[in-house]
Protein backbone atom coordinates (compact mmCIF):
# COMPACT_ATOMS: atom_id res chain seq x y z
CA MET A 1 13.17 14.08 19.61
CA LYS A 2 10.44 11.44 19.69
CA GLN A 3 11.32 7.90 20.66
CA TYR A 4 9.67 5.63 18.12
CA LYS A 5 9.11 1.94 18.74
CA VAL A 6 7.78 0.98 15.31
CA ILE A 7 8.94 1.94 11.83
CA ALA A 8 6.23 1.05 9.32
CA PHE A 9 6.84 0.92 5.57
CA ASP A 10 4.90 1.01 2.35
CA LEU A 11 6.51 -1.23 -0.31
CA ASP A 12 6.07 -0.10 -3.93
CA GLY A 13 7.70 3.28 -4.47
CA THR A 14 9.09 3.35 -0.94
CA LEU A 15 11.34 0.30 -0.61
CA THR A 16 11.12 -0.97 -4.20
CA GLN A 17 10.19 0.07 -7.70
CA TYR A 18 6.61 -0.91 -8.53
CA ARG A 19 6.24 -4.72 -8.51
CA THR A 20 10.00 -5.32 -8.48
CA PRO A 21 11.96 -7.36 -5.91
CA LEU A 22 13.45 -5.84 -2.79
CA GLY A 23 17.06 -4.85 -3.49
CA GLU A 24 19.98 -5.69 -1.23
CA ALA A 25 20.59 -2.08 -0.15
CA ASN A 26 17.10 -1.68 1.32
CA ALA A 27 17.12 -5.24 2.67
CA ALA A 28 20.30 -4.31 4.56
CA LEU A 29 18.60 -1.14 5.79
CA LEU A 30 15.67 -3.16 7.16
CA ARG A 31 18.03 -5.61 8.87
CA ALA A 32 19.89 -2.75 10.53
CA LEU A 33 16.72 -0.94 11.59
CA GLY A 34 15.37 -4.19 12.99
CA GLN A 35 18.14 -4.14 15.59
CA LYS A 36 16.56 -1.08 17.18
CA TYR A 37 12.94 -0.85 16.03
CA ARG A 38 9.99 -3.13 15.36
CA CYS A 39 9.77 -2.97 11.56
CA LEU A 40 6.44 -3.50 9.87
CA MET A 41 5.14 -3.53 6.30
CA VAL A 42 1.74 -1.96 5.63
CA GLY A 43 0.50 -2.59 2.12
CA ALA A 44 -2.37 -2.68 -0.31
CA GLY A 45 -1.51 -6.18 -1.55
CA SER A 46 -1.82 -9.45 0.30
CA CYS A 47 0.78 -10.50 2.86
CA GLU A 48 1.82 -13.35 0.56
CA ARG A 49 2.34 -11.03 -2.40
CA ILE A 50 4.38 -8.56 -0.31
CA PHE A 51 6.43 -11.42 1.16
CA ARG A 52 7.24 -12.80 -2.30
CA GLN A 53 8.19 -9.38 -3.66
CA MET A 54 10.52 -8.95 -0.69
CA ASN A 55 12.26 -12.23 -1.59
CA GLY A 56 11.05 -13.82 1.62
CA PHE A 57 12.51 -11.13 3.87
CA PRO A 58 11.54 -11.98 7.47
CA ILE A 59 9.26 -9.12 8.51
CA GLU A 60 5.83 -8.59 10.02
CA ILE A 61 3.27 -7.60 7.38
CA ILE A 62 -0.14 -5.96 7.39
CA GLY A 63 -1.74 -6.57 4.00
CA ASN A 64 -4.92 -5.76 2.09
CA TYR A 65 -5.34 -2.42 3.88
CA GLY A 66 -5.57 -4.16 7.24
CA MET A 67 -7.60 -7.23 6.30
CA GLN A 68 -4.51 -9.44 6.65
CA HIS A 69 -1.71 -9.64 9.22
CA SER A 70 1.22 -12.04 9.12
CA VAL A 71 4.21 -12.76 11.33
CA MET A 72 7.33 -14.88 10.87
CA GLU A 73 7.33 -18.18 12.72
CA ASN A 74 10.16 -20.72 12.41
CA GLY A 75 11.28 -19.01 9.22
CA GLU A 76 7.82 -19.23 7.64
CA LEU A 77 5.10 -16.69 6.95
CA ARG A 78 2.09 -17.30 9.21
CA LEU A 79 -1.21 -15.46 8.80
CA ILE A 80 -2.74 -14.43 12.11
CA LYS A 81 -5.56 -12.51 10.45
CA SER A 82 -7.17 -12.97 7.04
CA ASP A 83 -10.55 -11.31 6.55
CA ARG A 84 -12.55 -11.35 3.36
CA TYR A 85 -15.98 -10.25 2.18
CA GLU A 86 -18.34 -10.87 -0.73
CA THR A 87 -18.15 -8.56 -3.73
CA ASP A 88 -21.04 -7.59 -5.98
CA ARG A 89 -19.28 -8.30 -9.27
CA GLU A 90 -22.15 -7.09 -11.43
CA PHE A 91 -22.15 -3.72 -9.68
CA PHE A 92 -18.41 -3.26 -10.09
CA GLU A 93 -18.37 -4.28 -13.74
CA ARG A 94 -21.30 -2.02 -14.56
CA THR A 95 -19.93 0.92 -12.60
CA ALA A 96 -16.42 0.49 -14.02
CA GLU A 97 -17.87 0.64 -17.54
CA ARG A 98 -19.65 3.89 -16.68
CA VAL A 99 -16.49 5.38 -15.13
CA ARG A 100 -14.48 4.48 -18.22
CA ARG A 101 -17.00 6.22 -20.47
CA GLN A 102 -16.96 9.31 -18.24
CA THR A 103 -13.18 9.54 -18.07
CA GLY A 104 -12.27 8.32 -21.55
CA TYR A 105 -10.33 5.21 -20.44
CA THR A 106 -12.24 2.86 -22.71
CA ASP A 107 -9.17 1.33 -24.37
CA PHE A 108 -7.64 -1.41 -22.22
CA ARG A 109 -6.06 -4.86 -22.46
CA GLY A 110 -7.53 -7.86 -20.65
CA GLU A 111 -10.26 -7.39 -18.07
CA SER A 112 -11.70 -4.04 -17.07
CA VAL A 113 -11.91 -4.96 -13.37
CA GLN A 114 -9.75 -7.22 -11.21
CA PHE A 115 -11.38 -9.06 -8.31
CA HIS A 116 -9.32 -10.29 -5.36
CA GLU A 117 -10.02 -13.14 -2.92
CA SER A 118 -10.26 -10.66 -0.05
CA GLY A 119 -13.17 -8.86 -1.69
CA ALA A 120 -11.02 -5.88 -2.67
CA VAL A 121 -11.27 -4.69 -6.26
CA THR A 122 -8.74 -3.07 -8.59
CA LEU A 123 -9.78 -0.76 -11.42
CA PRO A 124 -6.77 -1.02 -13.79
CA LEU A 125 -7.08 1.87 -16.22
CA LEU A 126 -4.89 0.09 -18.79
CA GLY A 127 -6.51 -3.30 -18.16
CA THR A 128 -5.38 -6.43 -16.36
CA ASP A 129 -3.13 -7.56 -19.23
CA ALA A 130 -1.31 -4.28 -19.87
CA ASP A 131 2.45 -4.49 -20.26
CA LEU A 132 4.38 -3.58 -17.10
CA ARG A 133 6.47 -1.06 -19.04
CA ASP A 134 3.31 0.71 -20.19
CA LYS A 135 2.04 0.76 -16.60
CA LEU A 136 5.25 2.33 -15.32
CA ARG A 137 5.22 4.99 -18.04
CA PHE A 138 1.53 5.77 -17.70
CA ASP A 139 1.31 7.98 -14.62
CA PRO A 140 4.55 8.14 -12.58
CA THR A 141 3.45 11.26 -10.66
CA GLY A 142 -0.16 10.17 -10.16
CA GLU A 143 -1.45 13.30 -11.90
CA LYS A 144 -3.67 11.46 -14.38
CA ARG A 145 -5.40 9.44 -11.71
CA ARG A 146 -5.76 12.35 -9.33
CA ALA A 147 -7.42 14.30 -12.13
CA ILE A 148 -10.25 11.75 -12.24
CA TYR A 149 -10.16 10.67 -8.59
CA ASP A 150 -13.35 12.52 -7.64
CA VAL A 151 -15.26 10.79 -10.46
CA VAL A 152 -14.03 7.34 -9.42
CA ALA A 153 -14.56 7.94 -5.69
CA ALA A 154 -18.10 9.22 -6.28
CA ALA A 155 -18.96 6.21 -8.43
CA PHE A 156 -17.87 3.86 -5.62
CA ALA A 157 -19.02 6.10 -2.78
CA ASP A 158 -19.85 3.22 -0.42
CA TYR A 159 -16.20 2.09 -0.53
CA ASN A 160 -12.77 3.55 0.14
CA CYS A 161 -11.02 4.37 -3.12
CA PHE A 162 -7.25 4.88 -3.46
CA VAL A 163 -4.78 5.73 -6.19
CA GLY A 164 -2.93 2.41 -6.31
CA GLY A 165 -0.03 0.76 -8.07
CA SER A 166 1.21 2.63 -11.11
CA SER A 167 -1.94 2.85 -13.22
CA SER A 168 -4.93 1.77 -11.18
CA PHE A 169 -7.35 2.44 -8.33
CA ASP A 170 -7.84 0.20 -5.29
CA ILE A 171 -11.41 -0.08 -4.02
CA VAL A 172 -12.02 -1.66 -0.60
CA ARG A 173 -14.82 -1.75 1.91
CA LYS A 174 -14.93 0.93 4.60
CA PRO A 175 -13.23 1.51 7.01
CA CYS A 176 -10.22 -0.33 5.53
CA ASP A 177 -7.22 1.96 5.03
CA LYS A 178 -3.63 2.09 6.22
CA TYR A 179 -4.38 4.46 9.11
CA THR A 180 -7.10 2.20 10.51
CA ALA A 181 -4.78 -0.79 10.06
CA LEU A 182 -2.00 0.93 11.99
CA THR A 183 -4.21 2.11 14.85
CA GLU A 184 -5.67 -1.38 15.23
CA PHE A 185 -2.15 -2.80 15.25
CA ALA A 186 -1.08 -0.24 17.87
CA ALA A 187 -4.02 -1.08 20.13
CA GLN A 188 -3.24 -4.80 19.95
CA ALA A 189 0.49 -4.22 20.50
CA GLY A 190 -0.07 -1.93 23.46
CA ILE A 191 1.70 1.05 21.94
CA ARG A 192 0.61 4.59 21.17
CA LYS A 193 0.26 5.83 17.60
CA GLU A 194 2.75 8.55 18.56
CA GLU A 195 5.35 5.77 18.84
CA ILE A 196 4.91 4.81 15.17
CA LEU A 197 6.74 6.37 12.23
CA PHE A 198 5.30 5.57 8.80
CA THR A 199 7.39 5.74 5.63
CA GLY A 200 5.58 6.03 2.31
CA ASP A 201 5.52 7.67 -1.09
CA ASP A 202 1.91 8.56 -1.93
CA PHE A 203 0.40 11.12 0.43
CA GLY A 204 -1.35 13.16 -2.26
CA LYS A 205 -5.05 13.32 -2.98
CA GLY A 206 -6.43 9.79 -3.06
CA GLY A 207 -3.01 8.28 -2.34
CA ASN A 208 -3.13 5.11 -0.28
CA ASP A 209 -0.72 6.64 2.27
CA GLU A 210 -2.78 9.83 2.66
CA ALA A 211 -4.99 8.52 5.47
CA VAL A 212 -1.95 7.82 7.67
CA MET A 213 -0.79 11.43 7.53
CA ARG A 214 -4.31 12.83 7.94
CA GLY A 215 -4.77 10.60 10.97
CA GLY A 216 -1.86 12.23 12.78
CA ILE A 217 0.76 9.48 12.59
CA ASP A 218 4.25 10.87 11.94
CA CYS A 219 5.33 10.25 8.36
CA VAL A 220 8.47 10.30 6.24
CA VAL A 221 7.83 11.12 2.58
CA VAL A 222 9.94 9.14 0.10
CA ASN A 223 10.17 10.34 -3.50
CA ASP A 224 12.74 7.76 -4.61
CA TYR A 225 12.95 4.26 -3.14
CA ARG A 226 16.72 4.35 -3.58
CA ALA A 227 16.92 7.23 -1.07
CA VAL A 228 14.66 5.87 1.69
CA GLY A 229 17.62 5.52 4.06
CA ASP A 230 18.57 9.16 3.51
CA ARG A 231 15.01 10.33 4.21
CA LEU A 232 14.91 8.33 7.44
CA ALA A 233 18.29 9.72 8.51
CA GLU A 234 16.96 13.24 7.94
CA ALA A 235 14.12 12.35 10.30
CA GLY A 236 16.63 11.28 12.94
CA ILE A 237 16.23 7.53 12.46
CA SER A 238 19.51 5.69 12.82
CA ALA A 239 20.08 2.02 12.07
CA GLY A 240 21.75 -0.37 14.46
CA ARG A 241 21.92 -0.43 18.23
């Protein structure tokens, strides 16, 4: 059996429900795993957003598909990397309008496109002001977004495009993705990618965990965040010393 040094986690759908706080059961799991492994979050959102959703849980975080990296220092979150780039807002607004006409998602609440400080862009199919309950009901299996993924990816062909959140697409500059983020982390930490185990929930077409599996990093697939400990146990990962 492989001897892993790092257990890396996605957040939404893997350790928590979408945009909900980290529960005590999975917090306890992370504390126990941290006695034996270097635990790491790898997410689409910013390190600050992930940290808040985890109720300030003390853990190393790679955010924004690798553009950010934070560590805990004296009980505080400290960014050791925070890249950003300029976004052509006119292009994204114009292209998003065309994609909506092509796919039929012309009815939305709030803004059609969400721009982030990092330069990353979210295409929220239901709009920026959609009710969270509507978002959660919209596409729990990802089927609706995967059905139009090729259209969206082609429209933003100069960028990486991922099925993100519960009802949206994440669009980031190349080569940003979770696999690239993990391999860069491994190189800096002096470990091999074979010593990393990644735990996520969206490895399907366009899923933001897909690149990790395609890149050859070992993965544990989680279909229910309440059972992440069981899935890790099945993969031979035990908590504690």
